[in-house]
N, C-alpha and C. Protein backbone atom coordinates (compact mmCIF):
# COMPACT_ATOMS: atom_id res chain seq x y z
N UNK A 1 22.09 64.26 142.76
CA UNK A 1 22.84 64.64 144.08
C UNK A 1 24.02 63.72 143.55
N UNK A 2 25.53 64.35 143.62
CA UNK A 2 26.76 63.93 143.79
C UNK A 2 26.84 62.91 144.49
N UNK A 3 27.52 61.83 143.93
CA UNK A 3 28.05 60.87 144.67
C UNK A 3 29.07 61.11 145.26
N UNK A 4 29.69 60.31 146.50
CA UNK A 4 31.32 60.35 147.45
C UNK A 4 32.14 59.87 146.38
N UNK A 5 31.89 59.33 145.27
CA UNK A 5 32.72 59.11 144.16
C UNK A 5 32.83 60.02 143.15
N UNK A 6 32.03 60.64 142.84
CA UNK A 6 31.86 61.49 141.77
C UNK A 6 32.92 62.97 142.26
N UNK A 7 32.25 63.04 143.35
CA UNK A 7 32.74 64.30 144.55
C UNK A 7 34.15 64.01 144.57
N UNK A 8 34.59 62.83 144.99
CA UNK A 8 36.11 62.71 144.81
C UNK A 8 36.81 63.39 143.21
N UNK A 9 36.15 62.28 142.24
CA UNK A 9 36.57 62.67 140.86
C UNK A 9 36.73 64.50 140.53
N UNK A 10 35.25 65.13 140.85
CA UNK A 10 35.32 66.63 141.17
C UNK A 10 36.46 67.59 141.53
N UNK A 11 36.35 66.86 142.90
CA UNK A 11 37.43 67.63 143.19
C UNK A 11 38.81 67.65 143.36
N UNK A 12 39.00 66.18 142.72
CA UNK A 12 40.70 65.65 142.51
C UNK A 12 41.35 66.91 141.56
N UNK A 13 41.02 67.68 140.40
CA UNK A 13 41.89 68.38 140.40
C UNK A 13 42.49 69.83 140.89
N UNK A 14 41.81 69.83 141.79
CA UNK A 14 41.58 71.42 142.78
C UNK A 14 42.69 70.74 144.46
N UNK A 15 43.58 69.12 144.40
CA UNK A 15 44.27 69.17 145.29
C UNK A 15 45.30 69.04 144.34
N UNK A 16 46.18 69.44 145.63
CA UNK A 16 47.89 69.34 145.44
C UNK A 16 48.37 68.49 144.28
N UNK A 17 49.20 68.92 143.34
CA UNK A 17 49.39 67.38 142.83
C UNK A 17 50.27 66.28 143.53
N UNK A 18 51.06 66.10 144.69
CA UNK A 18 50.91 65.18 145.52
C UNK A 18 49.89 64.08 145.58
N UNK A 19 49.50 64.86 146.72
CA UNK A 19 47.76 64.23 146.95
C UNK A 19 47.33 63.49 145.68
N UNK A 20 47.19 64.03 144.11
CA UNK A 20 46.55 63.25 143.31
C UNK A 20 47.16 62.07 142.87
N UNK A 21 48.54 62.05 143.17
CA UNK A 21 49.20 61.21 142.76
C UNK A 21 49.16 60.08 143.54
N UNK A 22 49.41 60.31 144.60
CA UNK A 22 49.04 59.45 146.35
C UNK A 22 47.98 58.80 146.17
N UNK A 23 46.67 59.46 145.37
CA UNK A 23 45.32 59.14 145.75
C UNK A 23 45.07 58.15 144.05
N UNK A 24 46.15 58.27 143.02
CA UNK A 24 45.99 57.99 142.33
C UNK A 24 46.46 56.67 142.40
N UNK A 25 47.73 56.22 142.86
CA UNK A 25 48.84 55.44 143.05
C UNK A 25 47.82 54.48 143.98
N UNK A 26 47.27 55.21 145.17
CA UNK A 26 46.78 53.78 146.04
C UNK A 26 45.30 53.47 145.82
N UNK A 27 45.00 53.88 144.83
CA UNK A 27 43.49 53.35 143.86
C UNK A 27 44.18 52.39 143.08
N UNK A 28 45.10 52.82 142.27
CA UNK A 28 45.19 51.74 141.18
C UNK A 28 46.17 50.33 142.01
N UNK A 29 46.98 50.23 142.91
CA UNK A 29 47.79 49.50 143.50
C UNK A 29 46.93 48.37 144.37
N UNK A 30 45.51 49.05 144.84
CA UNK A 30 44.38 48.23 145.79
C UNK A 30 44.23 47.30 144.81
N UNK A 31 43.30 48.25 143.42
CA UNK A 31 42.99 46.99 142.36
C UNK A 31 43.39 46.29 142.09
N UNK A 32 45.11 46.86 141.50
CA UNK A 32 45.53 45.59 140.41
C UNK A 32 46.72 45.42 140.84
N UNK A 33 47.16 46.39 141.91
CA UNK A 33 49.14 45.27 142.42
C UNK A 33 49.62 46.09 142.26
N UNK A 34 50.56 46.48 143.07
CA UNK A 34 51.88 47.58 142.88
C UNK A 34 52.52 47.24 141.48
N UNK A 35 53.51 45.53 141.52
CA UNK A 35 53.25 45.25 140.39
C UNK A 35 53.21 45.75 138.73
N UNK A 36 51.95 45.18 138.73
CA UNK A 36 50.82 45.30 137.65
C UNK A 36 50.52 46.45 137.39
N UNK A 37 50.86 47.71 138.03
CA UNK A 37 50.72 49.27 137.80
C UNK A 37 51.47 49.89 136.84
N UNK A 38 51.33 50.31 136.10
CA UNK A 38 52.38 51.29 135.58
C UNK A 38 52.77 52.92 135.71
N UNK A 39 53.59 53.30 136.10
CA UNK A 39 53.85 55.11 136.01
C UNK A 39 53.11 55.65 135.03
N UNK A 40 53.26 55.43 133.99
CA UNK A 40 52.11 56.02 132.89
C UNK A 40 50.59 55.85 133.18
N UNK A 41 49.61 55.03 133.72
CA UNK A 41 48.62 54.52 134.44
C UNK A 41 48.07 55.21 135.38
N UNK A 42 49.03 55.59 136.29
CA UNK A 42 49.03 56.58 137.57
C UNK A 42 48.92 58.16 137.20
N UNK A 43 49.93 58.57 136.29
CA UNK A 43 49.87 59.73 136.12
C UNK A 43 48.59 60.48 135.03
N UNK A 44 48.17 59.25 134.08
CA UNK A 44 46.99 59.35 133.52
C UNK A 44 45.61 59.76 134.77
N UNK A 45 45.62 58.67 135.44
CA UNK A 45 45.03 58.76 136.44
C UNK A 45 44.58 60.33 137.60
N UNK A 46 45.91 60.18 137.76
CA UNK A 46 46.21 61.71 138.48
C UNK A 46 46.03 63.14 137.21
N UNK A 47 45.81 62.79 136.45
CA UNK A 47 45.95 63.86 135.00
C UNK A 47 47.24 64.85 135.19
N UNK A 48 47.91 64.78 135.69
CA UNK A 48 49.47 65.16 135.51
C UNK A 48 50.24 64.37 134.88
N UNK A 49 51.84 64.92 134.40
CA UNK A 49 52.78 64.36 133.98
C UNK A 49 53.59 63.45 133.99
N UNK A 50 54.35 62.72 133.70
CA UNK A 50 55.15 62.38 134.50
C UNK A 50 56.60 62.84 134.95
N UNK A 51 57.11 63.96 134.50
CA UNK A 51 57.41 65.01 134.80
C UNK A 51 57.47 65.72 136.11
N UNK A 52 55.49 65.37 136.46
CA UNK A 52 55.11 65.83 137.96
C UNK A 52 55.54 65.04 138.98
N UNK A 53 55.34 63.57 138.33
CA UNK A 53 55.54 62.34 139.30
C UNK A 53 56.62 62.51 139.80
N UNK A 54 58.23 62.70 138.55
CA UNK A 54 59.09 62.05 139.34
C UNK A 54 59.96 63.42 139.56
N UNK A 55 58.86 64.92 139.76
CA UNK A 55 59.41 65.34 140.31
C UNK A 55 59.25 65.67 142.14
N UNK A 56 58.16 64.95 142.38
CA UNK A 56 57.38 65.05 143.82
C UNK A 56 58.20 63.65 144.26
N UNK A 57 58.19 62.61 143.35
CA UNK A 57 58.53 61.21 144.14
C UNK A 57 59.57 60.33 143.52
N UNK A 58 60.42 60.75 142.45
CA UNK A 58 61.09 60.32 141.96
C UNK A 58 60.79 58.82 141.39
N UNK A 59 59.53 58.08 141.98
CA UNK A 59 59.65 56.66 141.68
C UNK A 59 58.54 56.00 141.64
N UNK A 60 57.99 54.99 141.39
CA UNK A 60 56.96 54.52 141.70
C UNK A 60 57.15 53.69 143.17
N UNK A 61 58.21 53.92 143.23
CA UNK A 61 59.25 53.10 144.17
C UNK A 61 58.80 53.88 145.67
N UNK A 62 59.22 55.18 145.16
CA UNK A 62 59.06 56.61 146.21
C UNK A 62 57.28 56.35 146.45
N UNK A 63 56.69 56.19 146.10
CA UNK A 63 54.60 56.25 146.42
C UNK A 63 54.45 54.76 146.92
N UNK A 64 55.45 54.29 146.78
CA UNK A 64 54.94 52.88 147.81
C UNK A 64 55.21 53.34 149.46
N UNK A 65 56.47 53.92 149.09
CA UNK A 65 56.42 54.10 150.06
C UNK A 65 56.60 55.33 150.89
N UNK A 66 55.83 56.18 150.14
CA UNK A 66 54.98 57.10 150.68
C UNK A 66 53.70 56.67 151.57
N UNK A 67 52.92 56.08 150.78
CA UNK A 67 51.80 55.55 151.12
C UNK A 67 51.68 54.68 152.55
N UNK A 68 52.74 53.96 152.61
CA UNK A 68 52.70 53.12 154.38
C UNK A 68 53.38 54.28 154.89
N UNK A 69 53.94 55.21 154.41
CA UNK A 69 54.58 56.12 155.62
C UNK A 69 53.88 57.36 155.92
N UNK A 70 52.82 57.79 155.39
CA UNK A 70 51.61 58.81 155.60
C UNK A 70 51.15 58.01 157.13
N UNK A 71 50.38 56.77 156.79
CA UNK A 71 50.14 55.99 157.60
C UNK A 71 50.55 56.22 159.14
N UNK A 72 51.84 55.58 158.97
CA UNK A 72 52.81 54.91 160.13
C UNK A 72 52.99 56.60 161.07
N UNK A 73 53.12 57.62 160.02
CA UNK A 73 53.30 58.86 160.62
C UNK A 73 52.29 59.26 161.89
N UNK A 74 51.26 58.91 161.25
CA UNK A 74 49.73 59.43 161.95
C UNK A 74 49.91 58.53 163.38
N UNK A 75 50.38 57.34 162.99
CA UNK A 75 50.24 56.42 163.75
C UNK A 75 51.21 56.60 165.69
N UNK A 76 52.42 57.03 164.91
CA UNK A 76 53.52 57.41 165.74
C UNK A 76 53.09 58.72 166.53
N UNK A 77 52.35 59.50 166.11
CA UNK A 77 51.96 61.01 166.33
C UNK A 77 50.87 60.65 167.45
N UNK A 78 49.84 59.75 167.16
CA UNK A 78 48.83 59.57 168.22
C UNK A 78 49.53 58.94 169.40
N UNK A 79 50.07 57.66 168.85
CA UNK A 79 50.91 56.65 169.83
C UNK A 79 51.78 57.65 170.85
N UNK A 80 52.90 58.99 170.32
CA UNK A 80 53.47 60.01 171.66
C UNK A 80 52.33 60.22 172.04
N UNK A 81 51.37 61.12 171.39
CA UNK A 81 50.52 61.88 172.57
C UNK A 81 50.15 60.79 173.79
N UNK A 82 49.36 59.95 173.28
CA UNK A 82 48.36 58.45 173.93
C UNK A 82 49.87 58.69 175.23
N UNK A 83 51.04 58.26 174.78
CA UNK A 83 52.03 57.98 175.66
C UNK A 83 52.81 58.92 176.53
N UNK A 84 52.66 60.26 176.21
CA UNK A 84 53.19 61.07 177.15
C UNK A 84 52.15 61.73 177.99
N UNK A 85 50.43 61.54 177.73
CA UNK A 85 49.60 62.02 178.90
C UNK A 85 50.06 61.39 180.21
N UNK A 86 49.08 62.41 180.62
CA UNK A 86 49.16 61.99 182.30
C UNK A 86 47.88 60.85 182.73
N UNK A 87 47.79 60.46 181.94
CA UNK A 87 46.40 59.29 181.92
C UNK A 87 47.51 58.00 182.38
N UNK A 88 46.21 57.18 183.66
CA UNK A 88 47.15 55.78 183.99
C UNK A 88 47.72 55.09 183.26
N UNK A 89 48.61 54.53 183.30
CA UNK A 89 48.91 53.22 182.35
C UNK A 89 47.98 52.63 181.63
N UNK A 90 47.57 51.89 182.53
CA UNK A 90 46.17 51.14 181.82
C UNK A 90 45.30 51.75 180.65
N UNK A 91 45.15 53.54 181.05
CA UNK A 91 44.38 53.85 179.72
C UNK A 91 45.30 54.36 178.98
N UNK A 92 46.17 54.48 178.69
CA UNK A 92 47.41 55.04 177.86
C UNK A 92 47.64 53.51 177.16
N UNK A 93 48.05 52.85 177.15
CA UNK A 93 48.01 51.35 177.10
C UNK A 93 46.60 51.20 175.65
N UNK A 94 45.74 51.02 176.80
CA UNK A 94 44.18 51.15 175.90
C UNK A 94 43.94 51.88 174.84
N UNK A 95 44.25 53.28 174.56
CA UNK A 95 43.90 53.98 173.85
C UNK A 95 45.20 53.98 172.95
N UNK A 96 46.06 53.61 172.96
CA UNK A 96 47.20 52.84 171.95
C UNK A 96 46.91 52.21 171.24
N UNK A 97 46.00 50.60 172.00
CA UNK A 97 46.03 49.60 171.30
C UNK A 97 45.06 49.90 170.46
N UNK A 98 43.93 50.79 170.92
CA UNK A 98 42.00 50.89 170.26
C UNK A 98 43.03 51.59 168.90
N UNK A 99 43.54 52.85 169.19
CA UNK A 99 43.97 53.99 168.50
C UNK A 99 44.29 53.55 166.62
N UNK A 100 45.68 52.00 167.06
CA UNK A 100 46.20 51.62 165.97
C UNK A 100 45.44 50.65 165.31
N UNK A 101 44.45 50.60 165.55
CA UNK A 101 43.54 49.79 164.81
C UNK A 101 42.52 50.48 164.16
N UNK A 102 42.25 51.77 164.97
CA UNK A 102 40.94 52.35 164.10
C UNK A 102 41.77 53.15 163.22
N UNK A 103 42.80 53.61 163.22
CA UNK A 103 43.88 53.82 161.85
C UNK A 103 44.08 53.38 160.76
N UNK A 104 44.35 51.55 161.11
CA UNK A 104 44.56 50.85 159.97
C UNK A 104 43.55 50.50 159.45
N UNK A 105 42.41 50.80 160.28
CA UNK A 105 40.97 50.04 158.90
C UNK A 105 40.25 51.97 158.28
N UNK A 106 41.25 52.79 159.25
CA UNK A 106 40.70 53.94 158.41
C UNK A 106 41.59 54.65 156.99
N UNK A 107 42.91 53.48 156.65
CA UNK A 107 43.44 53.31 155.72
C UNK A 107 44.03 52.43 155.75
N UNK A 108 42.83 51.59 155.18
CA UNK A 108 42.67 49.71 154.80
C UNK A 108 43.60 49.31 153.54
N UNK A 109 43.19 50.18 152.36
CA UNK A 109 43.78 50.34 151.38
C UNK A 109 45.33 50.58 151.64
N UNK A 110 45.81 51.28 152.69
CA UNK A 110 47.50 51.64 152.25
C UNK A 110 47.71 50.81 153.37
N UNK A 111 47.62 49.96 154.17
CA UNK A 111 48.20 48.86 154.78
C UNK A 111 47.98 47.32 153.72
N UNK A 112 47.13 47.34 153.43
CA UNK A 112 46.91 46.24 152.26
C UNK A 112 47.80 45.83 151.46
N UNK A 113 48.50 47.79 150.43
CA UNK A 113 48.97 47.27 149.62
C UNK A 113 50.44 47.37 150.20
N UNK A 114 50.65 48.06 151.11
CA UNK A 114 51.88 47.89 151.98
C UNK A 114 52.01 46.34 152.32
N UNK A 115 51.66 45.27 153.11
CA UNK A 115 52.14 44.19 153.65
C UNK A 115 52.00 43.55 152.13
N UNK A 116 51.58 43.55 150.98
CA UNK A 116 51.12 42.76 149.86
C UNK A 116 52.26 43.38 149.45
N UNK A 117 53.17 44.18 149.30
CA UNK A 117 53.93 44.82 148.21
C UNK A 117 55.14 45.53 149.02
N UNK A 118 55.22 45.40 150.54
CA UNK A 118 56.88 45.68 150.69
C UNK A 118 57.60 45.49 150.25
N UNK A 119 57.85 44.03 149.80
CA UNK A 119 58.73 43.02 149.75
C UNK A 119 59.47 43.79 148.64
N UNK A 120 58.77 44.61 147.43
CA UNK A 120 59.44 45.22 146.13
C UNK A 120 59.98 46.88 146.15
N UNK A 121 59.78 47.26 147.52
CA UNK A 121 60.70 48.15 147.77
C UNK A 121 61.70 47.98 147.69
N UNK A 122 62.68 49.45 147.18
CA UNK A 122 64.57 48.95 147.59
C UNK A 122 64.82 48.51 148.71
N UNK A 123 65.93 48.01 148.99
CA UNK A 123 66.64 47.21 150.27
C UNK A 123 66.58 48.52 151.28
N UNK A 124 66.99 49.69 151.10
CA UNK A 124 67.06 50.75 151.45
C UNK A 124 66.07 51.39 152.34
N UNK A 125 65.02 51.32 151.47
CA UNK A 125 63.55 52.08 151.92
C UNK A 125 62.89 50.79 152.91
N UNK A 126 63.33 49.33 152.42
CA UNK A 126 62.76 48.33 153.50
C UNK A 126 63.30 48.44 154.83
N UNK A 127 64.86 48.83 154.69
CA UNK A 127 65.29 49.10 156.00
C UNK A 127 65.38 50.16 156.56
N UNK A 128 64.72 51.07 155.97
CA UNK A 128 63.73 52.76 156.53
C UNK A 128 62.43 52.27 157.52
N UNK A 129 61.70 51.85 156.56
CA UNK A 129 60.41 51.21 156.93
C UNK A 129 60.25 50.41 158.46
N UNK A 130 61.44 49.53 158.06
CA UNK A 130 61.61 48.55 159.56
C UNK A 130 62.42 49.46 160.35
N UNK A 131 63.34 50.41 160.64
CA UNK A 131 63.34 51.08 161.63
C UNK A 131 62.26 51.65 161.98
N UNK A 132 61.21 53.01 160.88
CA UNK A 132 60.12 53.29 161.64
C UNK A 132 59.11 52.28 162.67
N UNK A 133 59.13 51.33 161.83
CA UNK A 133 58.47 50.49 162.40
C UNK A 133 58.43 50.32 164.09
N UNK A 134 60.02 49.61 163.84
CA UNK A 134 60.46 49.18 165.11
C UNK A 134 60.31 50.35 166.54
N UNK A 135 60.67 51.94 165.58
CA UNK A 135 60.41 53.19 167.39
C UNK A 135 59.10 53.04 167.46
N UNK A 136 57.84 52.76 166.50
CA UNK A 136 56.70 52.64 167.07
C UNK A 136 56.38 51.61 167.86
N UNK A 137 56.96 50.75 167.31
CA UNK A 137 56.68 49.17 168.67
C UNK A 137 57.46 49.35 169.72
N UNK A 138 58.39 50.33 169.62
CA UNK A 138 59.77 50.33 171.02
C UNK A 138 58.42 50.92 171.87
N UNK A 139 58.16 52.08 171.87
CA UNK A 139 57.25 53.22 172.32
C UNK A 139 56.12 52.51 172.99
N UNK A 140 54.99 51.55 171.82
CA UNK A 140 54.22 50.69 172.13
C UNK A 140 54.45 49.74 173.77
N UNK A 141 55.77 49.45 173.60
CA UNK A 141 56.20 48.16 174.22
C UNK A 141 56.39 48.71 176.01
N UNK A 142 56.71 50.03 175.57
CA UNK A 142 57.76 50.52 176.60
C UNK A 142 56.31 50.88 177.83
N UNK A 143 55.10 51.06 176.99
CA UNK A 143 54.34 51.35 178.10
C UNK A 143 53.47 49.63 178.80
N UNK A 144 53.85 48.44 177.58
CA UNK A 144 53.18 47.74 178.59
C UNK A 144 54.76 47.45 180.00
N UNK A 145 56.10 47.63 179.31
CA UNK A 145 56.92 47.54 180.61
C UNK A 145 56.85 48.74 181.40
N UNK A 146 56.56 49.91 181.95
CA UNK A 146 55.53 50.46 182.62
C UNK A 146 55.06 49.96 183.68
N UNK A 147 53.88 49.27 182.91
CA UNK A 147 53.08 49.06 183.65
C UNK A 147 53.45 47.68 184.63
N UNK A 148 54.19 47.16 183.36
CA UNK A 148 54.72 45.21 184.88
C UNK A 148 55.38 46.53 185.64
N UNK A 149 56.88 47.42 185.29
CA UNK A 149 57.13 47.51 186.46
C UNK A 149 56.38 48.27 187.49
N UNK A 150 55.47 48.70 187.39
CA UNK A 150 54.73 49.17 188.25
C UNK A 150 53.29 48.11 188.88
N UNK A 151 53.86 47.15 188.52
CA UNK A 151 52.51 45.93 189.21
C UNK A 151 51.48 46.16 188.83
N UNK A 152 51.18 46.86 187.65
CA UNK A 152 49.53 47.01 187.26
C UNK A 152 49.58 46.05 185.93
N UNK A 153 50.67 45.38 185.25
CA UNK A 153 50.24 44.50 184.43
C UNK A 153 51.16 42.92 184.67
N UNK A 154 50.64 41.90 184.13
CA UNK A 154 51.47 40.67 184.78
C UNK A 154 52.59 40.57 184.02
N UNK A 155 53.82 40.09 184.50
CA UNK A 155 55.54 40.06 184.04
C UNK A 155 55.17 38.37 183.37
N UNK A 156 54.15 38.03 183.31
CA UNK A 156 54.15 36.47 183.33
C UNK A 156 54.49 36.34 181.09
N UNK A 157 54.05 37.41 180.52
CA UNK A 157 54.21 37.21 179.49
C UNK A 157 55.46 38.23 178.86
N UNK A 158 56.78 37.78 178.35
CA UNK A 158 57.35 39.03 178.35
C UNK A 158 57.00 40.43 177.20
N UNK A 159 56.78 41.76 177.54
CA UNK A 159 56.25 42.74 176.85
C UNK A 159 56.98 42.38 175.31
N UNK A 160 57.45 41.62 174.65
CA UNK A 160 58.03 41.53 173.22
C UNK A 160 56.72 41.25 172.49
N UNK A 161 56.91 39.93 173.45
CA UNK A 161 55.38 38.88 172.97
C UNK A 161 54.02 39.77 172.92
N UNK A 162 53.98 40.30 173.76
CA UNK A 162 52.77 40.95 174.25
C UNK A 162 52.66 41.92 172.65
N UNK A 163 53.57 42.29 172.43
CA UNK A 163 53.69 43.75 171.35
C UNK A 163 53.41 42.78 170.29
N UNK A 164 54.13 41.81 169.61
CA UNK A 164 53.61 41.18 168.81
C UNK A 164 52.38 40.51 169.07
N UNK A 165 51.63 39.86 169.43
CA UNK A 165 50.74 39.01 169.88
C UNK A 165 49.53 40.46 169.93
N UNK A 166 49.23 41.93 169.79
CA UNK A 166 48.35 42.90 169.19
C UNK A 166 49.00 42.90 167.93
N UNK A 167 49.99 43.33 167.38
CA UNK A 167 50.35 43.61 166.03
C UNK A 167 50.40 43.01 165.14
N UNK A 168 49.87 41.40 165.56
CA UNK A 168 49.70 40.63 164.86
C UNK A 168 48.45 40.79 164.50
N UNK A 169 47.52 40.77 165.11
CA UNK A 169 46.13 40.56 165.18
C UNK A 169 46.00 41.95 163.88
N UNK A 170 46.68 43.37 163.94
CA UNK A 170 46.34 44.38 163.73
C UNK A 170 46.87 44.29 161.97
N UNK A 171 48.04 43.86 161.81
CA UNK A 171 48.66 43.60 160.57
C UNK A 171 47.28 42.20 159.57
N UNK A 172 46.47 41.40 160.20
CA UNK A 172 45.45 40.79 159.38
C UNK A 172 44.21 41.32 159.37
N UNK A 173 44.06 42.86 159.88
CA UNK A 173 43.02 43.43 159.51
C UNK A 173 42.53 43.53 158.29
N UNK A 174 43.35 43.62 157.26
CA UNK A 174 43.43 44.31 155.94
C UNK A 174 42.93 42.51 155.08
N UNK A 175 42.97 41.64 156.15
CA UNK A 175 42.34 40.22 154.92
C UNK A 175 41.09 39.70 155.45
N UNK A 176 40.92 40.87 156.38
CA UNK A 176 38.92 40.39 156.76
C UNK A 176 38.01 41.22 157.52
N UNK A 177 38.58 42.63 157.41
CA UNK A 177 37.74 43.60 157.72
C UNK A 177 37.15 44.27 156.41
N UNK A 178 35.92 44.31 156.36
CA UNK A 178 35.27 45.18 156.06
C UNK A 178 34.47 46.16 155.78
N UNK A 179 34.67 47.19 155.60
CA UNK A 179 33.49 49.00 155.64
C UNK A 179 32.27 47.91 155.40
N UNK A 180 31.07 48.29 156.18
CA UNK A 180 29.61 48.22 156.39
C UNK A 180 29.42 46.70 156.61
N UNK A 181 30.49 45.81 157.52
CA UNK A 181 30.13 44.93 158.45
C UNK A 181 29.09 45.12 159.38
N UNK A 182 29.26 44.00 160.48
CA UNK A 182 28.39 44.06 161.51
C UNK A 182 29.02 44.91 162.72
N UNK A 183 30.61 45.18 162.26
CA UNK A 183 31.20 46.09 163.50
C UNK A 183 31.84 47.03 162.77
N UNK A 184 31.66 48.36 163.66
CA UNK A 184 32.14 49.46 163.29
C UNK A 184 33.63 49.44 163.49
N UNK A 185 34.70 50.04 163.03
CA UNK A 185 36.15 50.71 163.86
C UNK A 185 36.39 50.38 164.93
N UNK A 186 35.57 51.28 165.57
CA UNK A 186 35.53 51.41 166.86
C UNK A 186 34.92 50.29 167.91
N UNK A 187 34.26 49.81 167.01
CA UNK A 187 33.69 48.51 168.13
C UNK A 187 34.99 47.13 167.87
N UNK A 188 35.65 47.27 166.62
CA UNK A 188 36.79 46.16 166.77
C UNK A 188 37.81 46.46 167.45
N UNK A 189 38.10 48.04 167.44
CA UNK A 189 39.25 48.45 167.58
C UNK A 189 39.15 48.28 170.06
N UNK A 190 38.04 48.19 170.16
CA UNK A 190 37.56 47.79 172.14
C UNK A 190 37.93 46.81 172.20
N UNK A 191 37.29 45.62 171.20
CA UNK A 191 37.23 43.90 171.27
C UNK A 191 38.78 44.20 171.65
N UNK A 192 39.61 44.54 170.67
CA UNK A 192 40.90 44.24 170.48
C UNK A 192 42.11 44.59 171.56
N UNK A 193 41.74 46.07 171.80
CA UNK A 193 42.18 46.52 172.40
C UNK A 193 41.63 45.87 174.68
N UNK A 194 40.55 45.36 174.37
CA UNK A 194 40.36 44.53 175.76
C UNK A 194 40.87 43.59 176.15
N UNK A 195 40.68 42.55 174.67
CA UNK A 195 41.77 41.47 174.81
C UNK A 195 43.20 41.79 175.10
N UNK A 196 43.93 42.37 175.14
CA UNK A 196 45.19 43.11 175.54
C UNK A 196 44.98 43.52 176.52
N UNK A 197 44.38 44.01 176.97
CA UNK A 197 44.11 44.42 178.82
C UNK A 197 43.85 43.38 179.43
N UNK A 198 43.51 42.70 178.83
CA UNK A 198 42.77 41.18 179.84
C UNK A 198 44.07 40.14 179.85
N UNK A 199 44.75 40.39 178.65
CA UNK A 199 45.67 39.23 179.26
C UNK A 199 47.05 39.97 179.42
N UNK A 200 47.26 40.70 180.21
CA UNK A 200 48.04 41.93 180.79
C UNK A 200 47.29 41.45 182.50
N UNK A 201 46.36 40.88 182.59
CA UNK A 201 45.80 41.25 184.04
C UNK A 201 46.62 40.36 185.04
N UNK A 202 47.32 41.09 186.18
CA UNK A 202 48.17 40.47 187.22
C UNK A 202 46.99 38.79 187.78
């Protein structure tokens, strides 16, 4: 029987080149670190040429930026869907709070690489990432403020601080969560979302 690891290797040549480069870079950055991984090692692991990498990404820096960007785009899409639904604000906030935990755990290598290596991005890309993250946090904060204005959530703690509280927990997931542990990603997400909602009770 083919193992999942071998299956991924067998399937790799059939993947589009950008996905192969991203998969190889993610694996190498997670194992060795961004600064200790060369472009040559990435293209060899992906089975492509340096010309292919520079065609799709331009630089190693672009790969690092995209590794985080793809997760953030997914999370923003999902948050926008939760925030725009017809559910009560408590449910929309809880769904969003749990979802960012699950999607972070599902992409733990990406999150770990990014928080370890963000300072190595170019200044322009760092600014871009901060702007993208700020948009996400602002949409999340708007849900808290909506509930506060409606009297559903307590106003004792400023919404900004509540956002920092939740995302501080999310950003530390890569330092302690291990797949196969005693809690599933959804169980961790449920606990953290419930903590957030309890903190907001009037």
